Each structure stands twice: as C-alpha cells, then as structure tokens.
Protein backbone atom coordinates (compact mmCIF):
# COMPACT_ATOMS: atom_id res chain seq x y z
CA MET A 1 142.61 157.86 116.93
CA ILE A 2 144.75 160.74 118.20
CA PHE A 3 145.40 161.12 121.93
CA ALA A 4 146.01 164.50 123.55
CA ASP A 5 149.55 165.07 124.83
CA ASN A 6 148.43 165.43 128.45
CA CYS A 7 146.79 161.99 128.29
CA ILE A 8 149.98 160.43 126.95
CA LYS A 9 152.13 162.18 129.56
CA LYS A 10 149.97 160.90 132.37
CA GLN A 11 150.24 157.33 131.12
CA LEU A 12 154.02 157.65 130.70
CA ARG A 13 154.76 159.30 134.03
CA ASN A 14 156.81 156.27 135.14
CA VAL A 15 159.05 156.39 132.06
CA TYR A 16 162.51 157.96 132.16
CA PHE A 17 163.86 158.86 128.73
CA ILE A 18 167.59 158.71 128.00
CA THR A 19 168.06 160.17 124.56
CA GLY A 20 170.44 162.40 122.60
CA THR A 21 172.79 162.05 119.64
CA PRO A 22 174.37 158.85 118.28
CA CYS A 23 177.39 157.70 120.30
CA GLY A 24 176.53 160.06 123.14
CA GLY A 25 176.42 157.22 125.67
CA LYS A 26 172.67 156.60 125.85
CA THR A 27 172.84 152.81 125.86
CA THR A 28 175.75 152.60 128.29
CA VAL A 29 174.10 154.90 130.81
CA SER A 30 170.66 153.29 130.39
CA ARG A 31 171.98 149.84 131.10
CA ALA A 32 174.14 150.96 134.01
CA LEU A 33 171.15 152.67 135.65
CA GLY A 34 168.87 149.73 134.92
CA LYS A 35 171.30 147.31 136.55
CA LYS A 36 171.92 149.56 139.56
CA TYR A 37 168.26 150.16 140.36
CA GLY A 38 166.70 146.99 138.99
CA ILE A 39 164.68 148.96 136.44
CA PRO A 40 163.87 147.45 133.02
CA VAL A 41 165.47 149.14 130.00
CA TYR A 42 163.45 149.50 126.81
CA ASP A 43 165.69 150.01 123.74
CA ILE A 44 163.68 151.31 120.78
CA ASP A 45 166.29 150.13 118.26
CA GLU A 46 166.02 146.57 119.58
CA GLN A 47 162.23 146.77 119.27
CA PHE A 48 162.21 147.97 115.65
CA PRO A 49 162.05 144.45 114.08
CA HIS A 50 159.07 143.58 116.29
CA HIS A 51 157.30 146.82 115.41
CA GLN A 52 158.11 146.35 111.74
CA ALA A 53 156.48 142.91 111.84
CA MET A 54 153.30 144.47 113.27
CA SER A 55 153.27 147.38 110.82
CA ASP A 56 151.68 147.52 107.38
CA PRO A 57 152.76 149.30 104.17
CA GLU A 58 149.71 151.57 104.08
CA SER A 59 149.98 152.94 107.62
CA GLN A 60 153.79 152.71 108.00
CA PRO A 61 155.24 152.98 104.48
CA ASN A 62 158.73 153.97 105.58
CA MET A 63 159.05 151.12 108.07
CA ASN A 64 158.10 148.75 105.26
CA ARG A 65 160.35 150.09 102.53
CA ARG A 66 162.76 147.45 101.29
CA PHE A 67 166.12 147.99 99.59
CA LYS A 68 167.63 145.40 97.27
CA ASP A 69 171.20 146.04 98.45
CA ALA A 70 173.58 148.50 100.14
CA ASP A 71 174.10 150.40 96.90
CA GLU A 72 170.42 151.27 96.73
CA PHE A 73 170.25 152.02 100.45
CA PHE A 74 173.28 154.34 100.53
CA GLY A 75 172.74 155.61 97.00
CA ARG A 76 170.04 158.02 98.14
CA SER A 77 170.72 161.71 98.59
CA VAL A 78 171.46 162.97 102.09
CA ALA A 79 168.08 164.75 102.13
CA GLU A 80 166.25 161.54 101.18
CA TYR A 81 168.16 159.42 103.70
CA LYS A 82 167.59 161.96 106.47
CA GLN A 83 163.85 162.25 105.79
CA TRP A 84 163.51 158.46 105.71
CA LEU A 85 165.12 158.19 109.17
CA ILE A 86 162.83 160.91 110.54
CA ASP A 87 159.73 159.27 109.07
CA ASN A 88 160.76 155.85 110.34
CA LEU A 89 160.94 157.13 113.91
CA ARG A 90 157.66 159.00 113.52
CA GLU A 91 155.91 155.81 112.40
CA GLN A 92 157.53 153.69 115.10
CA THR A 93 156.65 156.13 117.87
CA ASP A 94 153.04 154.89 118.05
CA PHE A 95 154.28 151.37 118.77
CA ILE A 96 156.79 152.72 121.30
CA ILE A 97 154.11 154.64 123.21
CA LEU A 98 151.84 151.60 123.44
CA ASP A 99 154.72 149.42 124.67
CA LEU A 100 155.80 151.96 127.29
CA ILE A 101 152.28 152.44 128.63
CA LYS A 102 152.00 148.69 129.18
CA LEU A 103 155.51 148.22 130.59
CA SER A 104 155.39 151.16 133.01
CA GLN A 105 152.07 150.36 134.69
CA ASN A 106 153.73 148.57 137.61
CA GLY A 107 156.83 150.70 138.05
CA PRO A 108 159.54 152.81 136.40
CA VAL A 109 160.99 152.01 132.98
CA ILE A 110 164.08 153.47 131.29
CA CYS A 111 163.62 154.21 127.59
CA ASP A 112 166.87 154.17 125.57
CA CYS A 113 165.93 156.21 122.53
CA HIS A 114 166.87 158.97 120.10
CA LEU A 115 163.82 161.17 120.45
CA THR A 116 164.15 164.91 119.86
CA MET A 117 163.35 167.66 122.34
CA ASP A 118 159.98 168.29 120.64
CA GLU A 119 159.09 164.61 120.88
CA ILE A 120 160.15 164.40 124.53
CA SER A 121 158.10 167.52 125.32
CA ARG A 122 155.06 165.81 123.83
CA LEU A 123 155.53 162.56 125.76
CA SER A 124 157.06 163.66 129.06
CA ASP A 125 158.74 166.58 130.81
CA SER A 126 162.30 167.71 131.41
CA SER A 127 162.57 166.05 134.83
CA HIS A 128 162.15 162.63 133.18
CA ALA A 129 164.59 163.13 130.31
CA ALA A 130 168.37 163.16 130.01
CA PHE A 131 170.17 163.96 126.78
CA MET A 132 173.50 162.25 126.19
CA ILE A 133 175.29 164.09 123.41
CA THR A 134 178.51 164.22 121.42
CA ASP A 135 179.70 166.37 118.51
CA PRO A 136 178.26 164.66 115.38
CA THR A 137 180.92 165.93 112.98
CA ASP A 138 182.31 162.43 112.29
CA LEU A 139 180.34 159.63 113.90
CA VAL A 140 180.64 156.79 111.42
CA GLU A 141 183.86 155.21 112.67
CA THR A 142 182.74 155.38 116.30
CA TYR A 143 179.29 154.10 115.42
CA CYS A 144 180.55 151.15 113.39
CA ASP A 145 183.18 150.17 115.96
CA ARG A 146 180.50 149.18 118.47
CA PRO A 147 179.69 145.46 118.67
CA ASP A 148 175.95 146.15 118.71
CA HIS A 149 176.28 147.98 115.37
CA GLN A 150 178.28 145.26 113.62
CA ASP A 151 175.41 144.42 111.25
CA PHE A 152 175.25 148.02 110.07
CA SER A 153 179.03 148.15 109.67
CA ASP A 154 178.98 144.98 107.56
CA TYR A 155 176.16 146.38 105.43
CA LEU A 156 178.03 149.64 104.90
CA HIS A 157 181.19 147.78 103.87
CA SER A 158 179.18 145.73 101.38
CA ALA A 159 178.52 148.83 99.25
CA SER A 160 180.33 148.87 95.89
CA ASP A 161 181.83 152.25 96.75
CA TYR A 162 182.44 152.14 100.50
CA GLU A 163 183.91 155.63 100.73
CA ALA A 164 180.94 157.17 98.91
CA ALA A 165 178.52 155.28 101.13
CA LYS A 166 180.43 156.37 104.22
CA ARG A 167 180.28 160.01 103.11
CA THR A 168 176.50 159.71 102.69
CA VAL A 169 176.09 158.31 106.19
CA THR A 170 178.46 160.89 107.68
CA GLU A 171 176.69 163.82 106.03
CA THR A 172 173.27 162.43 106.93
CA LEU A 173 174.10 161.94 110.61
CA TYR A 174 175.69 165.39 110.73
CA SER A 175 172.69 167.03 109.05
CA LEU A 176 170.29 165.15 111.31
CA ASN A 177 172.08 165.78 114.59
CA MET A 178 174.17 168.97 114.50
CA THR A 179 171.18 171.30 114.82
CA ASN A 180 169.79 169.18 117.66
CA TYR A 181 173.22 169.02 119.31
CA LYS A 182 173.49 172.81 119.44
CA ALA A 183 169.85 173.31 120.44
CA ILE A 184 170.08 170.79 123.30
CA LYS A 185 173.05 172.68 124.78
CA GLU A 186 171.01 175.88 124.76
CA SER A 187 167.80 174.33 126.09
CA GLU A 188 166.27 173.81 129.52
CA PHE A 189 166.80 170.08 129.22
CA PHE A 190 169.43 168.26 131.24
CA TRP A 191 172.33 167.11 129.07
CA VAL A 192 175.76 165.51 129.44
CA GLU A 193 178.36 165.75 126.70
CA ARG A 194 180.50 162.68 126.21
CA ASP A 195 183.93 163.19 127.75
CA THR A 196 186.64 160.52 127.75
CA THR A 197 187.93 161.86 131.07
CA CYS A 198 184.57 161.21 132.74
CA SER A 199 183.93 157.60 133.80
CA VAL A 200 180.67 155.76 133.26
CA ASP A 201 180.05 155.84 137.02
CA ASP A 202 180.55 159.61 137.06
CA THR A 203 178.11 160.07 134.19
CA VAL A 204 175.56 157.75 135.77
CA ALA A 205 175.81 159.75 139.00
CA LEU A 206 174.96 162.96 137.13
CA VAL A 207 171.91 161.39 135.49
CA GLU A 208 170.59 159.74 138.66
CA GLU A 209 170.95 163.05 140.51
CA HIS A 210 168.91 164.74 137.77
CA PHE A 211 166.23 162.06 138.02
CA GLY A 212 166.18 162.39 141.79
CA TRP A 213 167.40 158.85 142.28
CA ARG A 214 169.87 157.71 144.86
CA PRO A 215 170.36 154.57 146.91
CA LEU A 216 168.62 154.73 150.28
CA LYS A 217 171.01 154.69 153.23
CA ASN A 218 170.27 152.78 156.43
CA PHE A 219 166.66 152.44 155.35
CA GLU A 220 164.01 150.48 157.23
CA ILE A 221 160.26 150.35 157.75
CA ARG A 222 159.09 150.13 161.33
CA LYS A 223 155.75 149.24 162.84
CA VAL A 224 154.71 151.95 165.28
CA GLU A 225 154.04 150.58 168.76
CA LYS A 226 151.73 152.31 171.25
CA ASP A 227 153.25 154.32 174.14
CA THR A 228 156.85 154.14 172.90
CA GLU A 229 159.43 156.82 172.33
CA PHE A 230 159.23 156.08 168.62
CA ALA A 231 155.44 156.60 168.70
CA ALA A 232 156.00 160.09 170.10
CA GLU A 233 158.52 160.78 167.34
CA PHE A 234 156.07 159.46 164.77
CA LEU A 235 153.28 161.69 166.13
CA SER A 236 155.52 164.72 165.68
CA TYR A 237 156.19 163.68 162.08
CA VAL A 238 152.45 163.38 161.38
CA GLU A 239 151.66 166.72 163.02
CA ASN A 240 154.25 168.51 160.91
CA CYS A 241 153.87 166.74 157.57
CA SER A 242 152.69 168.67 154.51
CA TRP A 243 149.57 166.54 153.98
CA VAL A 244 147.33 169.27 155.37
CA GLU A 245 144.05 167.63 154.32
CA VAL A 246 144.41 164.65 156.65
CA ARG A 247 147.26 165.30 159.07
CA ASP A 248 145.03 166.56 161.91
CA HIS A 249 142.81 163.50 161.61
CA LEU A 250 145.81 161.15 161.52
CA ALA A 251 147.48 162.94 164.39
CA GLY A 252 144.31 162.48 166.46
CA LEU A 253 144.27 158.76 165.74
CA VAL A 254 147.90 158.39 166.77
CA ARG A 255 147.68 160.70 169.77
CA GLY A 256 144.75 158.77 171.25
CA TRP A 257 145.91 155.50 169.68
CA GLN A 258 142.48 154.89 168.24
CA PHE A 259 143.49 151.58 166.70
CA SER A 260 142.03 148.21 167.67
CA ASP A 261 143.45 144.71 167.53
CA TRP A 262 145.89 144.47 164.62
CA GLU A 263 145.38 148.02 163.27
CA THR A 264 148.58 150.07 163.21
CA MET A 265 150.81 152.62 161.49
CA PHE A 266 154.12 152.06 159.71
CA ALA A 267 157.00 154.51 159.36
CA ALA A 268 159.67 154.64 156.65
CA VAL A 269 162.98 155.62 158.24
CA GLU A 270 166.26 156.63 156.61
CA ASP A 271 169.34 157.34 158.70
CA GLY A 272 167.16 157.50 161.80
CA LYS A 273 164.78 160.08 160.33
CA ILE A 274 161.11 159.36 159.54
CA VAL A 275 160.46 160.11 155.86
CA GLY A 276 157.13 158.40 155.15
CA MET A 277 154.17 156.52 156.56
CA ALA A 278 151.30 154.13 155.85
CA SER A 279 148.59 152.38 157.85
CA ALA A 280 146.76 149.06 158.05
CA LEU A 281 143.14 149.58 159.05
CA LYS A 282 139.91 147.60 159.49
CA THR A 283 137.86 150.44 158.00
CA ASP A 284 138.72 153.71 156.32
CA TYR A 285 136.91 156.98 155.62
CA TYR A 286 134.09 155.14 153.82
CA PRO A 287 130.76 153.59 154.96
CA LEU A 288 131.88 150.14 153.79
CA PRO A 289 132.22 147.91 156.89
CA GLU A 290 132.11 144.79 154.74
CA ILE A 291 135.42 145.71 153.06
CA THR A 292 138.62 144.98 154.99
CA PRO A 293 141.58 145.36 155.42
CA TRP A 294 142.67 148.73 154.09
CA VAL A 295 146.19 149.95 153.34
CA SER A 296 145.90 153.68 153.74
CA SER A 297 147.51 156.97 154.86
CA ILE A 298 150.35 156.49 152.35
CA PHE A 299 152.61 159.53 152.42
CA VAL A 300 156.27 160.25 151.64
CA SER A 301 158.08 163.48 152.45
CA GLU A 302 158.82 165.67 149.45
CA SER A 303 162.58 165.29 149.96
CA HIS A 304 162.31 161.51 149.51
CA ARG A 305 159.89 161.19 146.63
CA GLY A 306 161.05 159.34 143.54
CA LEU A 307 162.91 156.73 145.62
CA ARG A 308 160.09 154.14 145.45
CA ILE A 309 159.40 154.42 149.18
CA SER A 310 155.62 154.29 148.64
CA GLY A 311 155.99 150.86 147.08
CA LYS A 312 158.14 149.67 149.97
CA LEU A 313 155.56 150.87 152.48
CA ILE A 314 152.73 149.15 150.61
CA ASP A 315 154.71 145.91 150.34
CA TYR A 316 155.55 146.01 154.06
CA ALA A 317 151.92 146.64 155.03
CA ASN A 318 150.78 143.77 152.81
CA GLU A 319 153.34 141.40 154.30
CA TYR A 320 152.06 142.36 157.74
CA LEU A 321 148.46 141.71 156.70
CA ARG A 322 149.36 138.45 155.01
CA GLY A 323 150.96 137.32 158.25
CA LEU A 324 147.61 137.91 159.94
CA GLY A 325 145.90 135.60 157.47
CA PHE A 326 144.48 138.11 154.99
CA ARG A 327 144.75 137.27 151.31
CA GLN A 328 143.84 140.62 149.80
CA SER A 329 144.00 144.29 150.71
CA TYR A 330 142.17 147.42 149.58
CA ILE A 331 143.43 150.90 148.77
CA PRO A 332 141.24 153.96 148.16
CA SER A 333 142.38 156.77 145.88
CA GLU A 334 141.05 159.85 144.19
CA TYR A 335 143.43 159.11 141.30
CA VAL A 336 143.23 156.63 138.44
CA GLY A 337 146.44 154.94 137.27
CA LEU A 338 148.43 155.33 140.49
CA TYR A 339 148.06 152.14 142.50
CA GLU A 340 147.90 149.96 139.40
CA HIS A 341 151.68 150.41 139.42
CA TYR A 342 151.78 148.47 142.70
CA GLY A 343 149.72 145.54 141.46
CA TYR A 344 146.27 146.80 142.48
CA HIS A 345 143.18 146.44 140.31
CA TYR A 346 140.22 148.79 140.05
CA VAL A 347 137.03 147.55 141.74
CA LYS A 348 134.50 150.37 141.67
CA GLU A 349 133.77 153.97 142.58
CA ILE A 350 133.08 154.61 146.26
CA GLU A 351 131.77 157.61 148.20
CA ASN A 352 133.54 158.76 151.34
CA TYR A 353 131.95 160.28 154.41
CA GLY A 354 132.56 163.75 153.00
CA GLY A 355 130.36 162.96 150.01
CA TYR A 356 133.22 162.86 147.52
CA THR A 357 133.75 160.04 145.01
CA ASP A 358 136.97 158.02 145.12
CA HIS A 359 138.16 154.82 143.48
CA LEU A 360 138.56 151.46 145.22
CA TYR A 361 141.43 149.12 144.37
CA VAL A 362 142.20 145.56 145.48
CA LYS A 363 145.27 143.35 145.38
CA GLU A 364 145.75 139.66 146.09
CA ILE A 365 148.47 139.31 148.72
C-alpha cells in the first residue's frame, strides 16, 4: 500500500526533523532540545536493529544483507557501498514513518535522522526541519572518535587493511554527502554549519527560533470572573481576535455573561498580555443536551502558536472540571487527528445548529 505524501505529512505534523550530514551536530542538538522542552527524541540509527528484526529478506533485502567480516564489508567499491547505504535508508523509512505516526499522536517528537531534502519534502515541510551540516571532506576520524560510534570504529579497525578500508569509508561518505552539503546551503531549508566557535546553546537557540519554540515567560492561565477589570480586558481580546467565524458569538456571551453555574472562560496570559482562551460549558453549538461538559472555544493568538499553549489551556480546563466532580470532558472539532494529541478519543460524528457535520471527542479526566 502506498500513501500519498499529503496524507503522510498530515500524520507527521507534530514531528520536527533534525537532519543533515554526518558529524554536523544532529544528535547533540536533538538531545539538547529534547531535554530543554521535555520532548521525546527518536533516533533512527538507534531504531535500526529493531526495524531489522521486523524486516524480511524479500521486502527489505538490503537491511537483511549479512557480511562475513570487515574485509567483505569494506571491500566493496565506493559506488556499491554508497548505493547500499541509500537503499538501507529507503527500506527503513517505512518503519520510521509508522513509528513517528504512533509516537507523535499525543504531542511533538524530535526525529534525529539523516534524511535528504527530497525525503524531508515528502514527509514534512521546511518549517519542521533543520539541517545540521559540516564539510564532508574527511569525516572518518571525527565519526569514529565519538563514543556512540565505537562499535563502527572497532569494526573498521578489524579490517586486514585498515588504511584501505578507511579510504573506502572516506570516499563513500564524501560521495554521499558533498552534493547534499552544497545543495542544502543553496536551498530554502534552514541550516546551521558546524562551527567550533559556536556553543551548543547558541546552536540550539538558532534551531528553536526556526521552529518557533521559546520558553514562555511569566505565563499563567486565569479563570475569567464576571464584572472584573480582567473580564473587560478579556472581552477586548475576544472582540479583536482573528477567529472571525465565532468571535462575535463569543464576545456576546462574555459581554452579557451568558454563563450559568460553573460555566466560564479561561485566558492564557504571558507577561500580562492575553494570548489565548478556552471555555468550560454545559452545552455547545450542538443539539446534544445529554452530553456535558464541553471544553470549547480553544484559540491561541498567531504570535504564540507552536508553544503548546492549547494543551495547557485544555489541561487547565480539565483540572477545573475534575474539581467539580466530572470524570470526562468532550471537545467538538471539524478536524480529525487534532485533539487525539491531547488524549481525546473519537466518539462519533455530530451535527451543529448550522447543519454542518463535526466530530465529537471524549477524554477521561
């Protein structure tokens, strides 16, 4: 079965690819970002043994090719070695895609990989990819000096003619990466060339800026209280937000405070400025009085998207509802695959008062 690229991209929209040339700093930056933001890092090299165990010789012949020793492995021509590496990645990519779809359903994932620009274009877009590169003229010494490549270094040194084996690896890596190295620097993709004068923190800052990530400063979520100064400020935010389809309706609810009992609105605030909102309601824009409570009106200003504020709003609303004794909440959406990332599960299709079909999701809280 072959899936269209747009289907794959939609499923992988929570994946951030850090790729490039060998020794460009992919793994260092991936792990630093993962630790800083609490995002899981998926290393395709670490996953290769697992994928190899699931593969079979007929469908993945290159992944299943065995070599009796280092002399046979490094005794191939540069062209043969290069093509084998390309075909290995091509065969493994199916396993990688399936893993990433599963892992990214509930939030962002960083993929530490060595995918090319063409492969990234098929799976994602430039805003979700960072290329870490270095001149591939002589990579072997640098590559083998790394602790995580010790097994490869030992294997290379086990060859009867180490220098010949080293030349094969050097020429193969150069042939495989020099064209990509030059093309990346001339492309629309974001790239950072390894520079010993640039610290890891400096490099990480460049990548997180490209991804639109940054730590939130003085961030809080506040429950909007009726007839307060903050409620007036919140009303102004609603009236001027870019969600044109519903802002007038929401503004009317807030202006007349058409909420009963525990119903309310929540505001996401950074540095004293409202940047997002959500609501907890008994009923929503659907003739379904038997279904309650609803988490709805989830919106984040364009300037603050990509900072996981939607998830924080949903979590806050659910904590509020849990405190009231509810054990599940519902979210409506016209989209499929969005609220699954926040732990919600599809229930059924529902029709709103406008006659349009949406999707209903539920979560145990």
